[in-house]
Amino acid sequence: MPDTTARLPEYDALLDTSGLYCPEPVMLMHNRVRDMAPGEVLQVVATDPATTRDVPKFCQFLGHELMEQHTTDEIYRYFIRLAG
């Protein structure tokens, strides 16, 4: 039987935006990455489906690497490595 438990990447900081809607998750992400060093990984947890569009655009615009994204039970998880 295959292992169905996904191994999530390690991260340096967690930002839980559950219950918040656009544009709040992205605004909080901007604030959080200011306090982090290049190369660190931020995990963002969200419940707003709009983040599936907004987070990749945020990463592309600022040059961050969207390492992984997962959706389970309407919870969206993003792992972002900060640009240097």
N, C-alpha and C. Protein backbone atom coordinates (compact mmCIF):
# COMPACT_ATOMS: atom_id res chain seq x y z
N MET A 1 0.85 -1.18 0.00
CA MET A 1 0.00 0.00 0.00
C MET A 1 0.90 1.24 0.00
N PRO A 2 0.67 2.19 -0.91
CA PRO A 2 1.52 3.38 -0.97
C PRO A 2 1.29 4.31 0.20
N ASP A 3 2.34 5.04 0.54
CA ASP A 3 2.24 6.03 1.61
C ASP A 3 1.53 7.26 1.07
N THR A 4 0.36 7.57 1.61
CA THR A 4 -0.43 8.69 1.10
C THR A 4 -0.19 9.97 1.90
N THR A 5 0.64 9.92 2.92
CA THR A 5 0.92 11.13 3.69
C THR A 5 2.01 11.91 3.00
N ALA A 6 1.67 13.05 2.50
CA ALA A 6 2.64 13.89 1.79
C ALA A 6 3.61 14.49 2.79
N ARG A 7 4.87 14.45 2.45
CA ARG A 7 5.89 15.07 3.30
C ARG A 7 6.00 16.53 2.88
N LEU A 8 5.70 17.41 3.81
CA LEU A 8 5.74 18.84 3.52
C LEU A 8 7.16 19.35 3.71
N PRO A 9 7.54 20.35 2.94
CA PRO A 9 8.89 20.92 3.07
C PRO A 9 9.10 21.56 4.44
N GLU A 10 10.36 21.63 4.84
CA GLU A 10 10.68 22.35 6.07
C GLU A 10 10.54 23.84 5.79
N TYR A 11 10.25 24.61 6.83
CA TYR A 11 10.06 26.05 6.66
C TYR A 11 10.60 26.79 7.87
N ASP A 12 10.89 28.06 7.66
CA ASP A 12 11.45 28.90 8.71
C ASP A 12 10.40 29.72 9.44
N ALA A 13 9.30 30.03 8.77
CA ALA A 13 8.25 30.85 9.36
C ALA A 13 6.90 30.40 8.82
N LEU A 14 5.88 30.60 9.63
CA LEU A 14 4.52 30.23 9.27
C LEU A 14 3.64 31.47 9.33
N LEU A 15 2.85 31.66 8.28
CA LEU A 15 1.87 32.74 8.25
C LEU A 15 0.50 32.12 8.02
N ASP A 16 -0.36 32.19 9.02
CA ASP A 16 -1.71 31.61 8.92
C ASP A 16 -2.69 32.73 8.59
N THR A 17 -3.22 32.70 7.37
CA THR A 17 -4.19 33.72 6.95
C THR A 17 -5.60 33.14 6.87
N SER A 18 -5.82 32.04 7.56
CA SER A 18 -7.14 31.38 7.54
C SER A 18 -8.23 32.36 7.93
N GLY A 19 -9.32 32.35 7.16
CA GLY A 19 -10.45 33.21 7.45
C GLY A 19 -10.36 34.60 6.83
N LEU A 20 -9.21 34.92 6.23
CA LEU A 20 -9.03 36.23 5.60
C LEU A 20 -9.24 36.12 4.10
N TYR A 21 -9.69 37.21 3.50
CA TYR A 21 -9.97 37.22 2.07
C TYR A 21 -9.17 38.32 1.38
N CYS A 22 -9.01 38.16 0.08
CA CYS A 22 -8.27 39.09 -0.76
C CYS A 22 -8.71 40.53 -0.45
N PRO A 23 -7.75 41.41 -0.24
CA PRO A 23 -6.30 41.33 -0.45
C PRO A 23 -5.49 41.04 0.81
N GLU A 24 -6.16 40.73 1.92
CA GLU A 24 -5.45 40.60 3.20
C GLU A 24 -4.33 39.56 3.21
N PRO A 25 -4.53 38.34 2.67
CA PRO A 25 -3.41 37.38 2.71
C PRO A 25 -2.14 37.89 2.04
N VAL A 26 -2.27 38.54 0.89
CA VAL A 26 -1.09 39.05 0.18
C VAL A 26 -0.47 40.22 0.95
N MET A 27 -1.28 41.06 1.52
CA MET A 27 -0.75 42.18 2.31
C MET A 27 0.06 41.65 3.50
N LEU A 28 -0.47 40.63 4.17
CA LEU A 28 0.26 40.04 5.30
C LEU A 28 1.54 39.35 4.85
N MET A 29 1.50 38.74 3.65
CA MET A 29 2.71 38.11 3.11
C MET A 29 3.79 39.16 2.87
N HIS A 30 3.41 40.29 2.30
CA HIS A 30 4.38 41.37 2.08
C HIS A 30 5.04 41.78 3.40
N ASN A 31 4.24 41.94 4.43
CA ASN A 31 4.78 42.34 5.73
C ASN A 31 5.68 41.26 6.32
N ARG A 32 5.29 40.00 6.18
CA ARG A 32 6.05 38.91 6.79
C ARG A 32 7.41 38.71 6.13
N VAL A 33 7.47 38.77 4.81
CA VAL A 33 8.74 38.54 4.12
C VAL A 33 9.75 39.65 4.40
N ARG A 34 9.29 40.82 4.78
CA ARG A 34 10.21 41.90 5.14
C ARG A 34 11.07 41.53 6.35
N ASP A 35 10.53 40.70 7.23
CA ASP A 35 11.24 40.31 8.45
C ASP A 35 12.08 39.05 8.27
N MET A 36 12.13 38.52 7.05
CA MET A 36 12.85 37.27 6.80
C MET A 36 14.09 37.52 5.94
N ALA A 37 15.00 36.55 5.99
CA ALA A 37 16.25 36.65 5.22
C ALA A 37 16.11 35.93 3.88
N PRO A 38 16.87 36.35 2.88
CA PRO A 38 16.87 35.64 1.60
C PRO A 38 17.20 34.16 1.80
N GLY A 39 16.50 33.31 1.07
CA GLY A 39 16.72 31.87 1.16
C GLY A 39 15.86 31.18 2.19
N GLU A 40 15.28 31.93 3.11
CA GLU A 40 14.39 31.31 4.09
C GLU A 40 13.09 30.90 3.41
N VAL A 41 12.38 29.96 4.05
CA VAL A 41 11.14 29.44 3.50
C VAL A 41 9.97 29.85 4.39
N LEU A 42 8.96 30.41 3.77
CA LEU A 42 7.73 30.82 4.45
C LEU A 42 6.62 29.85 4.04
N GLN A 43 5.94 29.31 5.05
CA GLN A 43 4.73 28.53 4.77
C GLN A 43 3.53 29.46 5.00
N VAL A 44 2.67 29.54 4.00
CA VAL A 44 1.45 30.33 4.12
C VAL A 44 0.27 29.36 4.10
N VAL A 45 -0.61 29.51 5.08
CA VAL A 45 -1.83 28.72 5.17
C VAL A 45 -3.00 29.68 4.91
N ALA A 46 -3.89 29.28 4.00
CA ALA A 46 -5.00 30.15 3.63
C ALA A 46 -6.27 29.34 3.41
N THR A 47 -7.40 30.03 3.49
CA THR A 47 -8.69 29.42 3.18
C THR A 47 -9.36 30.11 2.00
N ASP A 48 -8.80 31.20 1.54
CA ASP A 48 -9.37 31.95 0.41
C ASP A 48 -8.92 31.32 -0.91
N PRO A 49 -9.86 30.81 -1.72
CA PRO A 49 -9.49 30.22 -3.00
C PRO A 49 -8.76 31.19 -3.94
N ALA A 50 -8.94 32.48 -3.75
CA ALA A 50 -8.25 33.46 -4.59
C ALA A 50 -6.74 33.40 -4.41
N THR A 51 -6.27 32.81 -3.31
CA THR A 51 -4.82 32.71 -3.11
C THR A 51 -4.17 31.80 -4.14
N THR A 52 -4.95 30.89 -4.75
CA THR A 52 -4.38 30.02 -5.78
C THR A 52 -3.93 30.84 -6.99
N ARG A 53 -4.49 32.00 -7.16
CA ARG A 53 -4.09 32.94 -8.21
C ARG A 53 -3.09 33.96 -7.66
N ASP A 54 -3.38 34.49 -6.48
CA ASP A 54 -2.61 35.61 -5.93
C ASP A 54 -1.20 35.23 -5.47
N VAL A 55 -1.05 34.08 -4.83
CA VAL A 55 0.27 33.70 -4.30
C VAL A 55 1.27 33.45 -5.42
N PRO A 56 0.93 32.68 -6.47
CA PRO A 56 1.90 32.52 -7.56
C PRO A 56 2.27 33.86 -8.22
N LYS A 57 1.31 34.76 -8.37
CA LYS A 57 1.61 36.08 -8.96
C LYS A 57 2.50 36.90 -8.04
N PHE A 58 2.26 36.82 -6.74
CA PHE A 58 3.11 37.49 -5.75
C PHE A 58 4.55 37.00 -5.88
N CYS A 59 4.72 35.69 -5.97
CA CYS A 59 6.07 35.11 -6.09
C CYS A 59 6.73 35.52 -7.40
N GLN A 60 6.00 35.44 -8.49
CA GLN A 60 6.55 35.80 -9.79
C GLN A 60 6.97 37.26 -9.82
N PHE A 61 6.13 38.12 -9.30
CA PHE A 61 6.40 39.56 -9.33
C PHE A 61 7.62 39.93 -8.50
N LEU A 62 7.79 39.28 -7.34
CA LEU A 62 8.89 39.62 -6.44
C LEU A 62 10.11 38.72 -6.58
N GLY A 63 10.03 37.71 -7.45
CA GLY A 63 11.17 36.85 -7.69
C GLY A 63 11.36 35.74 -6.68
N HIS A 64 10.36 35.49 -5.85
CA HIS A 64 10.43 34.39 -4.89
C HIS A 64 10.10 33.07 -5.59
N GLU A 65 10.57 31.98 -5.01
CA GLU A 65 10.30 30.65 -5.57
C GLU A 65 9.12 30.01 -4.86
N LEU A 66 8.07 29.72 -5.61
CA LEU A 66 6.95 28.96 -5.05
C LEU A 66 7.36 27.49 -5.15
N MET A 67 7.86 26.95 -4.05
CA MET A 67 8.41 25.60 -4.04
C MET A 67 7.32 24.56 -4.21
N GLU A 68 6.25 24.70 -3.43
CA GLU A 68 5.15 23.74 -3.47
C GLU A 68 3.87 24.43 -3.04
N GLN A 69 2.75 23.86 -3.50
CA GLN A 69 1.45 24.26 -2.98
C GLN A 69 0.58 23.02 -2.87
N HIS A 70 -0.20 22.97 -1.80
CA HIS A 70 -1.05 21.81 -1.51
C HIS A 70 -2.43 22.30 -1.13
N THR A 71 -3.44 21.54 -1.51
CA THR A 71 -4.81 21.83 -1.11
C THR A 71 -5.41 20.59 -0.49
N THR A 72 -5.89 20.73 0.74
CA THR A 72 -6.60 19.63 1.40
C THR A 72 -7.74 20.23 2.21
N ASP A 73 -8.92 19.68 1.99
CA ASP A 73 -10.11 20.10 2.75
C ASP A 73 -10.27 21.63 2.78
N GLU A 74 -10.12 22.26 1.61
CA GLU A 74 -10.29 23.70 1.46
C GLU A 74 -9.27 24.52 2.25
N ILE A 75 -8.15 23.90 2.58
CA ILE A 75 -7.01 24.60 3.19
C ILE A 75 -5.91 24.62 2.14
N TYR A 76 -5.39 25.80 1.88
CA TYR A 76 -4.35 25.98 0.87
C TYR A 76 -3.03 26.25 1.59
N ARG A 77 -2.00 25.49 1.23
CA ARG A 77 -0.66 25.66 1.83
C ARG A 77 0.32 25.98 0.72
N TYR A 78 1.14 26.99 0.98
CA TYR A 78 2.15 27.42 0.02
C TYR A 78 3.50 27.46 0.73
N PHE A 79 4.53 27.02 0.04
CA PHE A 79 5.89 27.05 0.56
C PHE A 79 6.71 27.92 -0.37
N ILE A 80 7.18 29.03 0.15
CA ILE A 80 7.83 30.08 -0.66
C ILE A 80 9.25 30.29 -0.16
N ARG A 81 10.23 30.09 -1.07
CA ARG A 81 11.63 30.41 -0.75
C ARG A 81 11.90 31.84 -1.19
N LEU A 82 12.36 32.67 -0.24
CA LEU A 82 12.56 34.09 -0.52
C LEU A 82 13.76 34.31 -1.42
N ALA A 83 13.57 35.24 -2.33
CA ALA A 83 14.64 35.61 -3.28
C ALA A 83 15.79 36.28 -2.54
N GLY A 84 16.96 36.15 -3.12
CA GLY A 84 18.17 36.71 -2.51
C GLY A 84 18.52 38.06 -2.95
